[in-house]
Protein backbone atom coordinates (compact mmCIF):
# COMPACT_ATOMS: atom_id res chain seq x y z
CA MET A 1 22.28 -40.75 87.22
CA ALA A 2 22.18 -40.96 91.00
CA THR A 3 20.12 -38.52 93.01
CA ASP A 4 19.64 -38.57 96.78
CA ASN A 5 15.86 -38.48 97.10
CA GLN A 6 16.17 -38.34 100.88
CA SER A 7 18.07 -35.07 100.92
CA LYS A 8 16.43 -32.06 102.55
CA VAL A 9 16.16 -28.62 100.97
CA LEU A 10 18.03 -26.06 103.07
CA GLY A 11 17.19 -23.14 100.78
CA VAL A 12 16.97 -22.01 97.17
CA VAL A 13 18.57 -19.51 94.81
CA VAL A 14 15.98 -18.47 92.21
CA PHE A 15 16.48 -16.72 88.85
CA ALA A 16 13.28 -15.75 87.04
CA ARG A 17 12.71 -13.93 83.76
CA HIS A 18 10.12 -11.17 83.65
CA GLY A 19 6.60 -11.78 82.38
CA ASP A 20 4.89 -10.77 79.14
CA ARG A 21 5.50 -7.15 78.17
CA GLN A 22 4.98 -4.68 75.39
CA GLY A 23 7.55 -4.65 72.59
CA PHE A 24 10.80 -2.75 72.80
CA TYR A 25 14.03 -2.32 70.87
CA GLN A 26 17.58 -3.15 71.89
CA ASP A 27 20.66 -2.20 69.92
CA PRO A 28 22.03 -5.36 68.22
CA ASP A 29 25.62 -4.14 68.74
CA THR A 30 25.57 -2.83 72.33
CA TYR A 31 22.31 -4.26 73.73
CA THR A 32 21.29 -0.93 75.20
CA ALA A 33 17.52 -0.88 75.18
CA SER A 34 14.43 1.29 75.22
CA ALA A 35 11.92 1.09 78.05
CA THR A 36 8.76 -1.00 77.86
CA ALA A 37 5.88 -1.95 80.17
CA ILE A 38 4.57 -5.15 81.68
CA THR A 39 1.11 -6.38 80.66
CA PRO A 40 -1.64 -7.93 82.80
CA LEU A 41 -0.73 -11.25 81.18
CA GLY A 42 2.85 -10.81 82.37
CA GLU A 43 1.68 -10.04 85.88
CA GLN A 44 -0.45 -13.19 85.89
CA GLN A 45 2.46 -15.30 84.61
CA GLU A 46 4.70 -14.09 87.41
CA PHE A 47 1.99 -14.50 90.04
CA GLN A 48 1.41 -18.08 88.90
CA LEU A 49 5.15 -18.79 89.04
CA GLY A 50 5.28 -17.41 92.58
CA SER A 51 2.28 -19.52 93.57
CA LEU A 52 3.98 -22.64 92.19
CA LEU A 53 7.19 -21.87 94.08
CA ARG A 54 5.08 -21.40 97.21
CA SER A 55 3.50 -24.85 96.78
CA ILE A 56 6.89 -26.47 96.21
CA TYR A 57 9.07 -24.78 98.82
CA LEU A 58 6.79 -23.17 101.45
CA ASN A 59 4.34 -26.05 101.88
CA ALA A 60 5.39 -27.79 105.10
CA SER A 61 3.95 -31.12 103.89
CA ALA A 62 5.82 -31.06 100.55
CA PRO A 63 9.00 -33.18 100.20
CA THR A 64 10.81 -30.09 98.88
CA TYR A 65 9.80 -27.83 101.78
CA ILE A 66 12.66 -25.53 102.76
CA GLN A 67 13.71 -26.57 106.22
CA GLY A 68 13.08 -23.82 108.77
CA ILE A 69 11.45 -21.26 106.47
CA ALA A 70 8.21 -19.57 107.52
CA ASP A 71 5.69 -21.89 105.85
CA SER A 72 2.61 -21.07 103.80
CA ASP A 73 0.51 -20.74 106.96
CA SER A 74 2.86 -18.08 108.36
CA LEU A 75 3.65 -14.47 107.63
CA PHE A 76 6.64 -13.49 105.52
CA GLN A 77 9.88 -13.30 107.52
CA GLN A 78 12.18 -10.62 106.09
CA ASN A 79 15.44 -11.99 107.48
CA GLN A 80 14.90 -15.25 105.55
CA VAL A 81 14.55 -13.71 102.10
CA VAL A 82 16.50 -11.53 99.64
CA VAL A 83 14.78 -10.22 96.49
CA ARG A 84 16.69 -8.28 93.82
CA ALA A 85 15.38 -6.93 90.50
CA ASP A 86 17.25 -5.61 87.47
CA ALA A 87 16.16 -2.00 86.87
CA GLY A 88 18.01 -1.58 83.57
CA GLY A 89 17.04 -1.38 79.94
CA GLU A 90 13.57 -2.87 80.21
CA GLY A 91 12.53 -0.17 82.64
CA GLY A 92 10.09 -1.26 85.32
CA VAL A 93 9.10 -4.55 83.66
CA ILE A 94 11.51 -6.70 85.67
CA PHE A 95 10.83 -4.92 88.94
CA ASP A 96 7.06 -5.17 88.39
CA SER A 97 7.49 -8.87 87.59
CA ALA A 98 9.22 -9.35 90.92
CA VAL A 99 6.33 -7.62 92.68
CA ALA A 100 3.85 -10.00 91.02
CA LEU A 101 5.97 -13.09 91.75
CA VAL A 102 6.33 -12.35 95.46
CA GLN A 103 2.57 -11.77 95.65
CA GLY A 104 2.24 -15.41 94.60
CA LEU A 105 4.88 -16.53 97.08
CA TRP A 106 3.43 -14.55 99.96
CA PRO A 107 -0.20 -13.69 99.13
CA ALA A 108 -2.51 -11.46 101.11
CA THR A 109 -3.63 -12.97 104.40
CA PRO A 110 -5.83 -11.77 107.28
CA LYS A 111 -2.92 -12.69 109.53
CA SER A 112 -1.24 -9.49 108.34
CA SER A 113 -2.97 -7.49 111.04
CA THR A 114 -2.38 -5.87 114.39
CA GLN A 115 -4.39 -5.03 117.49
CA LEU A 116 -4.26 -1.46 118.72
CA ALA A 117 -4.15 -0.39 122.34
CA ASN A 118 -7.86 0.41 122.23
CA GLY A 119 -8.66 -3.16 121.12
CA THR A 120 -9.25 -2.34 117.44
CA ASN A 121 -7.96 -4.91 114.91
CA VAL A 122 -6.42 -3.44 111.75
CA THR A 123 -5.63 -5.60 108.71
CA SER A 124 -3.20 -4.57 105.97
CA PRO A 125 -4.80 -3.16 102.79
CA LEU A 126 -6.14 -5.42 100.04
CA GLY A 127 -7.19 -8.13 102.46
CA GLY A 128 -3.88 -8.42 104.25
CA TYR A 129 -1.34 -7.60 101.52
CA GLN A 130 2.21 -8.55 102.52
CA TYR A 131 4.78 -5.93 101.55
CA ILE A 132 7.93 -7.74 100.42
CA PRO A 133 11.08 -5.55 100.23
CA ILE A 134 12.62 -5.62 96.75
CA GLU A 135 16.06 -4.23 95.96
CA SER A 136 16.07 -2.27 92.69
CA VAL A 137 19.45 -2.94 91.08
CA GLU A 138 20.46 0.04 88.96
CA PRO A 139 23.12 -0.82 86.33
CA ASN A 140 24.69 2.62 86.74
CA GLU A 141 25.43 1.84 90.39
CA ASP A 142 25.58 -1.97 90.53
CA VAL A 143 26.78 -4.09 87.60
CA SER A 144 25.73 -7.45 89.06
CA LEU A 145 22.49 -7.99 87.09
CA GLU A 146 23.37 -6.18 83.88
CA GLY A 147 27.12 -6.39 83.35
CA PHE A 148 26.84 -6.68 79.58
CA THR A 149 25.76 -3.08 78.83
CA SER A 150 28.46 -0.38 78.51
CA CYS A 151 31.00 -3.23 78.33
CA ASN A 152 33.44 -2.50 75.51
CA THR A 153 35.03 -5.94 75.34
CA PHE A 154 31.57 -7.53 75.20
CA ASP A 155 30.70 -5.23 72.29
CA ASP A 156 33.92 -6.40 70.57
CA HIS A 157 32.87 -10.00 71.20
CA THR A 158 29.49 -9.35 69.56
CA GLU A 159 31.11 -7.65 66.58
CA ALA A 160 33.54 -10.57 66.15
CA PHE A 161 30.58 -12.95 66.05
CA TYR A 162 28.91 -10.86 63.32
CA ASN A 163 32.15 -10.97 61.32
CA SER A 164 32.70 -14.71 61.79
CA SER A 165 32.49 -17.25 58.98
CA ALA A 166 29.74 -19.10 60.87
CA PHE A 167 27.62 -15.96 60.92
CA GLN A 168 28.22 -15.28 57.23
CA GLN A 169 27.33 -18.85 56.38
CA LYS A 170 24.11 -18.70 58.40
CA ASN A 171 23.27 -15.35 56.82
CA SER A 172 23.56 -16.89 53.37
CA GLN A 173 21.39 -19.86 54.37
CA VAL A 174 18.51 -17.73 55.69
CA SER A 175 18.63 -14.82 53.24
CA GLN A 176 15.46 -15.90 51.44
CA PHE A 177 13.53 -16.29 54.71
CA LEU A 178 14.61 -12.83 55.82
CA GLN A 179 13.46 -11.45 52.48
CA ASP A 180 10.09 -13.18 52.93
CA LEU A 181 9.69 -11.58 56.38
CA LYS A 182 9.93 -7.98 55.20
CA PRO A 183 6.22 -7.46 54.44
CA TYR A 184 5.40 -8.30 58.08
CA MET A 185 8.01 -6.15 59.79
CA ASP A 186 6.39 -2.70 59.43
CA GLY A 187 9.58 -1.21 57.99
CA ARG A 188 11.98 -2.64 60.56
CA PRO A 189 15.48 -3.70 59.39
CA VAL A 190 15.32 -7.37 58.45
CA THR A 191 18.91 -8.56 58.89
CA LEU A 192 20.45 -11.45 60.76
CA GLU A 193 22.26 -8.97 63.03
CA ASN A 194 18.84 -7.63 64.06
CA MET A 195 17.33 -11.08 64.55
CA TRP A 196 16.41 -10.66 68.20
CA ASN A 197 14.41 -7.51 67.49
CA ILE A 198 12.70 -9.22 64.55
CA PHE A 199 11.66 -12.18 66.69
CA ASP A 200 10.59 -10.03 69.62
CA TYR A 201 8.38 -7.88 67.39
CA MET A 202 6.79 -10.98 65.85
CA ASN A 203 6.30 -12.62 69.25
CA VAL A 204 4.71 -9.57 70.88
CA GLN A 205 2.43 -8.97 67.89
CA SER A 206 1.43 -12.64 67.75
CA ILE A 207 0.31 -12.44 71.39
CA HIS A 208 -1.43 -9.06 71.32
CA ASN A 209 -2.40 -8.31 67.70
CA ALA A 210 -5.02 -10.62 66.20
CA THR A 211 -4.66 -9.14 62.72
CA PHE A 212 -0.91 -9.81 62.70
CA ALA A 213 -1.29 -13.27 64.22
CA ASN A 214 -3.84 -14.31 61.62
CA SER A 215 -1.84 -12.97 58.68
CA LEU A 216 1.56 -14.46 59.60
CA PRO A 217 2.32 -17.77 57.81
CA PRO A 218 2.20 -20.67 60.31
CA THR A 219 5.93 -21.52 60.35
CA TYR A 220 7.38 -18.01 60.36
CA LEU A 221 7.35 -17.35 64.12
CA ALA A 222 8.99 -20.71 64.88
CA GLN A 223 11.65 -20.08 62.23
CA ALA A 224 12.35 -16.62 63.61
CA ARG A 225 12.57 -18.04 67.14
CA ASP A 226 15.12 -20.64 66.03
CA LEU A 227 17.28 -17.97 64.44
CA ALA A 228 16.98 -15.69 67.48
CA ASN A 229 17.96 -18.60 69.74
CA TRP A 230 21.07 -19.28 67.66
CA HIS A 231 21.90 -15.58 67.52
CA GLU A 232 21.53 -14.85 71.23
CA TYR A 233 23.22 -17.99 72.52
CA ASN A 234 26.30 -17.20 70.44
CA VAL A 235 26.34 -13.65 71.76
CA PHE A 236 25.79 -14.52 75.44
CA SER A 237 28.07 -17.54 75.71
CA ASP A 238 31.75 -18.33 75.32
CA THR A 239 34.08 -21.28 74.89
CA ALA A 240 35.71 -20.59 78.27
CA SER A 241 33.91 -19.90 81.55
CA THR A 242 35.97 -16.75 81.99
CA GLY A 243 35.19 -15.56 78.46
CA ILE A 244 33.59 -12.17 77.99
CA GLY A 245 30.59 -13.77 76.28
CA ASN A 246 29.56 -15.05 79.72
CA ILE A 247 29.66 -11.60 81.33
CA ALA A 248 25.88 -11.60 81.90
CA PHE A 249 26.22 -14.34 84.52
CA ARG A 250 29.80 -13.73 85.62
CA THR A 251 28.74 -10.48 87.30
CA MET A 252 26.01 -12.42 89.13
CA VAL A 253 28.38 -15.07 90.46
CA PRO A 254 29.43 -13.16 93.63
CA SER A 255 25.86 -12.74 94.89
CA VAL A 256 25.00 -16.33 93.90
CA VAL A 257 28.00 -17.81 95.71
CA THR A 258 27.32 -15.64 98.76
CA ALA A 259 23.69 -16.77 98.82
CA ILE A 260 24.69 -20.45 98.58
CA GLN A 261 27.20 -20.06 101.41
CA ARG A 262 24.70 -18.24 103.60
CA ILE A 263 21.97 -20.83 103.03
CA ALA A 264 24.41 -23.66 103.83
CA ASN A 265 25.42 -21.90 107.06
CA SER A 266 23.00 -23.15 109.73
CA SER A 267 23.56 -20.02 111.82
CA ASP A 268 22.43 -17.73 108.97
CA PRO A 269 18.65 -17.17 108.60
CA LEU A 270 18.68 -16.80 104.78
CA LYS A 271 16.50 -19.40 103.05
CA LEU A 272 15.47 -17.89 99.70
CA HIS A 273 17.44 -15.63 97.36
CA TYR A 274 15.58 -14.44 94.25
CA SER A 275 16.97 -12.44 91.32
CA ALA A 276 14.51 -11.03 88.78
CA ILE A 277 16.35 -10.72 85.47
CA ALA A 278 16.12 -10.54 81.67
CA TYR A 279 16.81 -13.53 79.40
CA LYS A 280 20.53 -12.81 78.85
CA PRO A 281 22.00 -14.16 82.12
CA PHE A 282 20.12 -17.44 81.57
CA LEU A 283 22.07 -18.07 78.36
CA SER A 284 25.42 -17.49 80.08
CA LEU A 285 24.27 -19.58 83.06
CA PHE A 286 23.28 -22.46 80.74
CA ASN A 287 26.65 -22.24 79.02
CA MET A 288 28.74 -22.04 82.21
CA THR A 289 26.91 -24.84 84.03
CA GLY A 290 26.95 -27.09 80.96
CA VAL A 291 23.26 -27.98 81.26
CA VAL A 292 22.92 -27.72 77.47
CA ALA A 293 26.02 -29.82 76.78
CA ASP A 294 24.19 -33.16 76.47
CA GLY A 295 21.26 -31.72 74.54
CA ALA A 296 18.72 -32.35 77.32
CA LEU A 297 18.14 -28.60 77.59
CA PRO A 298 18.39 -26.66 74.31
CA PRO A 299 20.42 -23.41 74.16
CA THR A 300 17.42 -21.13 73.72
CA ILE A 301 16.01 -17.81 74.84
CA VAL A 302 13.89 -18.69 77.85
CA ASN A 303 10.18 -17.90 77.75
CA TYR A 304 8.46 -15.26 79.84
CA ALA A 305 8.34 -16.24 83.54
CA ALA A 306 10.91 -19.00 83.05
CA ALA A 307 12.89 -19.84 86.17
CA VAL A 308 16.00 -21.67 87.31
CA VAL A 309 16.09 -22.82 90.93
CA LEU A 310 19.38 -23.91 92.47
CA GLU A 311 18.36 -26.03 95.43
CA VAL A 312 20.82 -26.15 98.32
CA ARG A 313 20.26 -29.61 99.81
CA GLN A 314 21.55 -31.59 102.77
CA PRO A 315 22.13 -35.22 101.70
CA SER A 316 21.27 -38.03 104.07
CA SER A 317 24.63 -39.72 103.41
CA SER A 318 27.02 -36.73 103.47
CA SER A 319 27.86 -33.85 105.76
CA GLU A 320 28.45 -31.41 102.88
CA PRO A 321 25.43 -29.73 101.28
CA VAL A 322 24.92 -30.14 97.55
CA LEU A 323 23.44 -28.06 94.73
CA ARG A 324 20.69 -29.26 92.38
CA PHE A 325 19.81 -27.44 89.12
CA THR A 326 16.10 -27.29 88.22
CA PHE A 327 14.42 -25.36 85.40
CA LYS A 328 10.91 -24.52 84.23
CA ASN A 329 10.51 -22.77 80.86
CA GLY A 330 7.63 -20.42 81.58
CA THR A 331 3.99 -21.39 81.18
CA ASP A 332 4.94 -23.97 78.52
CA ASP A 333 6.18 -26.23 81.32
CA SER A 334 3.91 -27.52 84.04
CA THR A 335 6.68 -28.31 86.50
CA PHE A 336 10.38 -27.92 87.25
CA ARG A 337 12.75 -30.52 85.87
CA THR A 338 16.20 -31.46 87.15
CA TYR A 339 19.21 -31.12 84.84
CA SER A 340 22.75 -32.37 85.27
CA MET A 341 25.49 -29.75 85.40
CA SER A 342 28.87 -30.16 83.73
CA PHE A 343 31.78 -27.76 84.20
CA PRO A 344 35.54 -27.89 84.96
CA GLY A 345 35.95 -30.23 87.91
CA TRP A 346 32.53 -31.85 87.50
CA ASP A 347 31.32 -33.92 84.54
CA GLY A 348 27.76 -34.51 85.80
CA SER A 349 27.66 -38.12 84.67
CA ALA A 350 27.51 -39.72 88.11
CA ASP A 351 25.16 -37.42 90.02
CA THR A 352 22.81 -34.51 89.41
CA ASP A 353 23.72 -33.06 92.82
CA VAL A 354 27.01 -31.14 92.99
CA PRO A 355 28.87 -30.63 96.30
CA ILE A 356 28.74 -26.89 96.95
CA SER A 357 32.52 -26.72 97.45
CA THR A 358 32.98 -28.15 93.93
CA PHE A 359 30.57 -25.61 92.47
CA ILE A 360 32.09 -22.66 94.33
CA ASN A 361 35.68 -23.67 93.49
CA ALA A 362 34.74 -23.78 89.79
CA PHE A 363 32.72 -20.57 89.67
CA GLN A 364 34.57 -18.20 91.99
CA PRO A 365 37.48 -17.77 89.50
CA THR A 366 34.96 -16.66 86.85
CA ALA A 367 33.39 -13.99 89.04
CA VAL A 368 33.52 -10.27 88.40
CA ASN A 369 33.65 -9.32 92.07
CA THR A 370 33.74 -5.53 92.10
CA THR A 371 32.94 -2.57 89.93
CA LEU A 372 36.69 -2.04 89.55
CA ASP A 373 37.00 -5.63 88.27
CA TRP A 374 34.23 -4.89 85.79
CA CYS A 375 36.05 -1.78 84.56
CA HIS A 376 39.14 -3.88 83.82
CA VAL A 377 37.26 -6.85 82.30
CA CYS A 378 35.14 -4.60 80.10
CA GLY A 379 37.91 -2.21 79.06
CA GLN A 380 35.77 0.62 80.38
CA THR A 381 37.43 3.84 81.59
CA GLN A 382 34.47 6.23 81.96
CA ALA A 383 31.01 4.70 82.48
CA ARG A 384 29.73 3.57 85.87
CA GLY A 385 32.38 5.52 87.75
CA CYS A 386 35.33 3.69 86.18
CA ALA A 387 37.27 6.95 85.77
CA ALA A 388 37.24 7.57 89.53
CA LEU A 389 37.90 3.94 90.44
CA LEU A 390 40.79 3.51 88.01
CA GLY A 391 42.23 6.86 89.05
CA ALA A 392 42.13 5.92 92.71
CA ALA A 393 43.70 2.54 91.96
CA THR A 394 46.60 3.96 89.95
CA SER A 395 47.32 6.56 92.64
CA ALA A 396 48.19 3.76 95.09
CA PRO A 397 50.93 1.78 93.29
CA ALA A 398 52.13 0.18 96.52
CA VAL A 399 48.94 -1.86 96.80
CA ALA A 400 49.63 -5.30 95.37
CA HIS A 401 46.03 -6.45 95.21
CA TYR A 402 42.48 -5.71 96.27
CA ASP A 403 40.64 -7.96 98.66
CA ARG A 404 37.68 -9.84 97.26
CA ILE A 405 34.70 -8.67 99.18
CA SER A 406 31.03 -9.53 99.44
CA PRO A 407 28.48 -8.34 96.87
CA VAL A 408 27.26 -5.70 99.33
CA GLY A 409 30.67 -4.09 99.51
CA ALA A 410 31.74 -4.67 95.92
CA GLY A 411 32.72 -1.54 94.12
CA PHE A 412 34.66 -0.04 97.02
CA LEU A 413 38.43 -0.34 96.86
CA GLY A 414 40.35 -2.80 99.06
CA ALA A 415 41.37 -1.94 102.56
CA GLY A 416 45.02 -1.76 101.55
CA LEU A 417 44.67 1.71 100.04
CA THR A 418 46.18 4.57 102.01
CA VAL A 419 43.84 6.61 104.17
CA ALA A 420 44.27 9.74 102.07
CA VAL A 421 43.55 8.02 98.75
CA PHE A 422 40.62 6.09 100.16
CA GLY A 423 39.10 9.29 101.49
CA ALA A 424 39.36 11.00 98.13
CA ALA A 425 37.91 8.02 96.26
CA PHE A 426 35.12 7.70 98.79
CA ALA A 427 34.12 11.32 98.30
CA VAL A 428 33.91 10.77 94.55
CA LEU A 429 31.88 7.61 95.03
CA LEU A 430 29.49 9.50 97.27
CA PHE A 431 28.97 12.00 94.51
CA LEU A 432 28.39 9.25 91.92
CA GLY A 433 25.94 7.32 94.09
CA TYR A 434 28.02 4.54 95.73
CA LEU A 435 29.15 2.30 92.92
CA THR A 436 28.48 -0.96 94.73
CA PHE A 437 26.82 -4.33 94.42
CA GLY A 438 23.70 -4.69 96.54
CA LYS A 439 23.33 -1.03 97.30
CA SER A 440 20.49 -0.08 99.63
CA LYS A 441 18.33 2.90 98.83
CA GLY A 442 15.31 4.49 100.42
CA ALA A 443 13.49 4.57 97.08
CA VAL A 444 13.63 2.76 93.79
CA SER A 445 14.99 4.63 90.79
CA ARG A 446 14.42 3.01 87.43
CA ALA A 447 17.27 3.43 84.96
CA ARG A 448 16.44 4.57 81.47
CA ILE A 449 19.30 4.09 79.04
CA ALA A 450 19.35 6.99 76.62
CA LYS A 451 20.29 6.82 72.95
CA HIS A 452 24.00 7.37 73.47
CA GLY A 453 24.41 5.08 76.47
CA HIS A 454 23.87 7.67 79.21
CA LEU A 455 21.60 6.80 82.09
CA GLU A 456 18.78 8.96 83.33
CA LEU A 457 17.53 8.10 86.79
CA GLN A 458 13.90 8.60 87.68
CA SER A 459 12.82 8.04 91.26
CA ALA A 460 9.76 6.11 92.37
CA ALA A 461 8.31 5.34 95.76
CA ASN A 462 8.76 1.58 95.97
CA SER A 463 10.58 0.36 99.05
CA VAL A 464 13.85 -1.55 98.80
CA THR A 465 16.09 -3.43 101.17
CA LYS A 466 19.80 -4.04 101.55
CA GLU A 467 21.13 -7.54 101.09
CA SER A 468 22.62 -8.60 104.39
CA VAL A 469 25.79 -10.58 104.74
């Protein structure tokens, strides 16, 4: 496969899974989850990933140095970077992972200092700590990083998978193994439907509980991982790009496309766009980009601190920038590897680098662009403000369509609504907390999904920033 080794990196779009954490439970039917907490190991994993990204993309002497970005000898430049973190079911784990990763990307430096009028030099705390703004993305207000929860049609998709002949056949094949696992599960339900929770419990205990790790038969964890991989890939993928099984990445598409377009625009300062996420969007991303189609990359749950980097590159032989897919599966991999994408309009056989127009033309039709779109796609009429949005939409029958807008504005209705209706809807949205993508807040609130799917917001004092467009 041809690859232009002379192309220059204009910028990157990064997706990274959180680091090691304590165990937690997620409902196998709805994927609502209980909160958990990051561990020191997880913080180290994320810091190491950030340090590696720094050496690859911020080192001015590296061949993959991002053209024009403040290099590793310079201070962080806020207008060049967007950082977003899912604040959903796993509580603060993903946000804390983002904090650790950006510490590796932009570590403390004595250059983070200032001279006062009286001649005194003051350095930032912790030896020159650089404070990187991170946007906390609350699923109750912004569906872009967790579009799969509270999504009725996705729940139907999951239930259909559990009722499928393939699932029943697999269940029959592994029934003895599941029976053998029961003594190690501390009373947890040992069913194929609950396979992710079974594997996660075994994985967490194998890392942090020496007694469990020493008592578990050698092949059991690997067998459970294989079953969890099969289970989760079938849940978070679909035969069509626009299928509801891909909802975990489809809601991310607007911000991804916007980031690619901004990076490719020489007049825009954006160079690095980073989304801190759970494992689910990776599975939909793998499915939609076809990187698992040829078997080079298996359809598996990514490891802690795994990362995909979409490099926006300027080829030496073409005026149009291209996109390159690279992936590193956590600490198991020492470096990023390039994978060929394959999707409608691009078969990936001739080149690993995809013209960005080809990528955008293929992925824009799959995007869930607004909260109102999400309400329709997910068959949701109440959660996340859908009642107000759908009510406002139906009260303006003369409007033929809604304009597709940027991720920052997504969730607001199109400009074609009448002034009176828009005013009423806006007042409701104010009350509900601005149901938008990329919402800016003065403080981070971490969403805790309660037992019946309601969200309780707890505020914290971490700073956030608004994604500019």
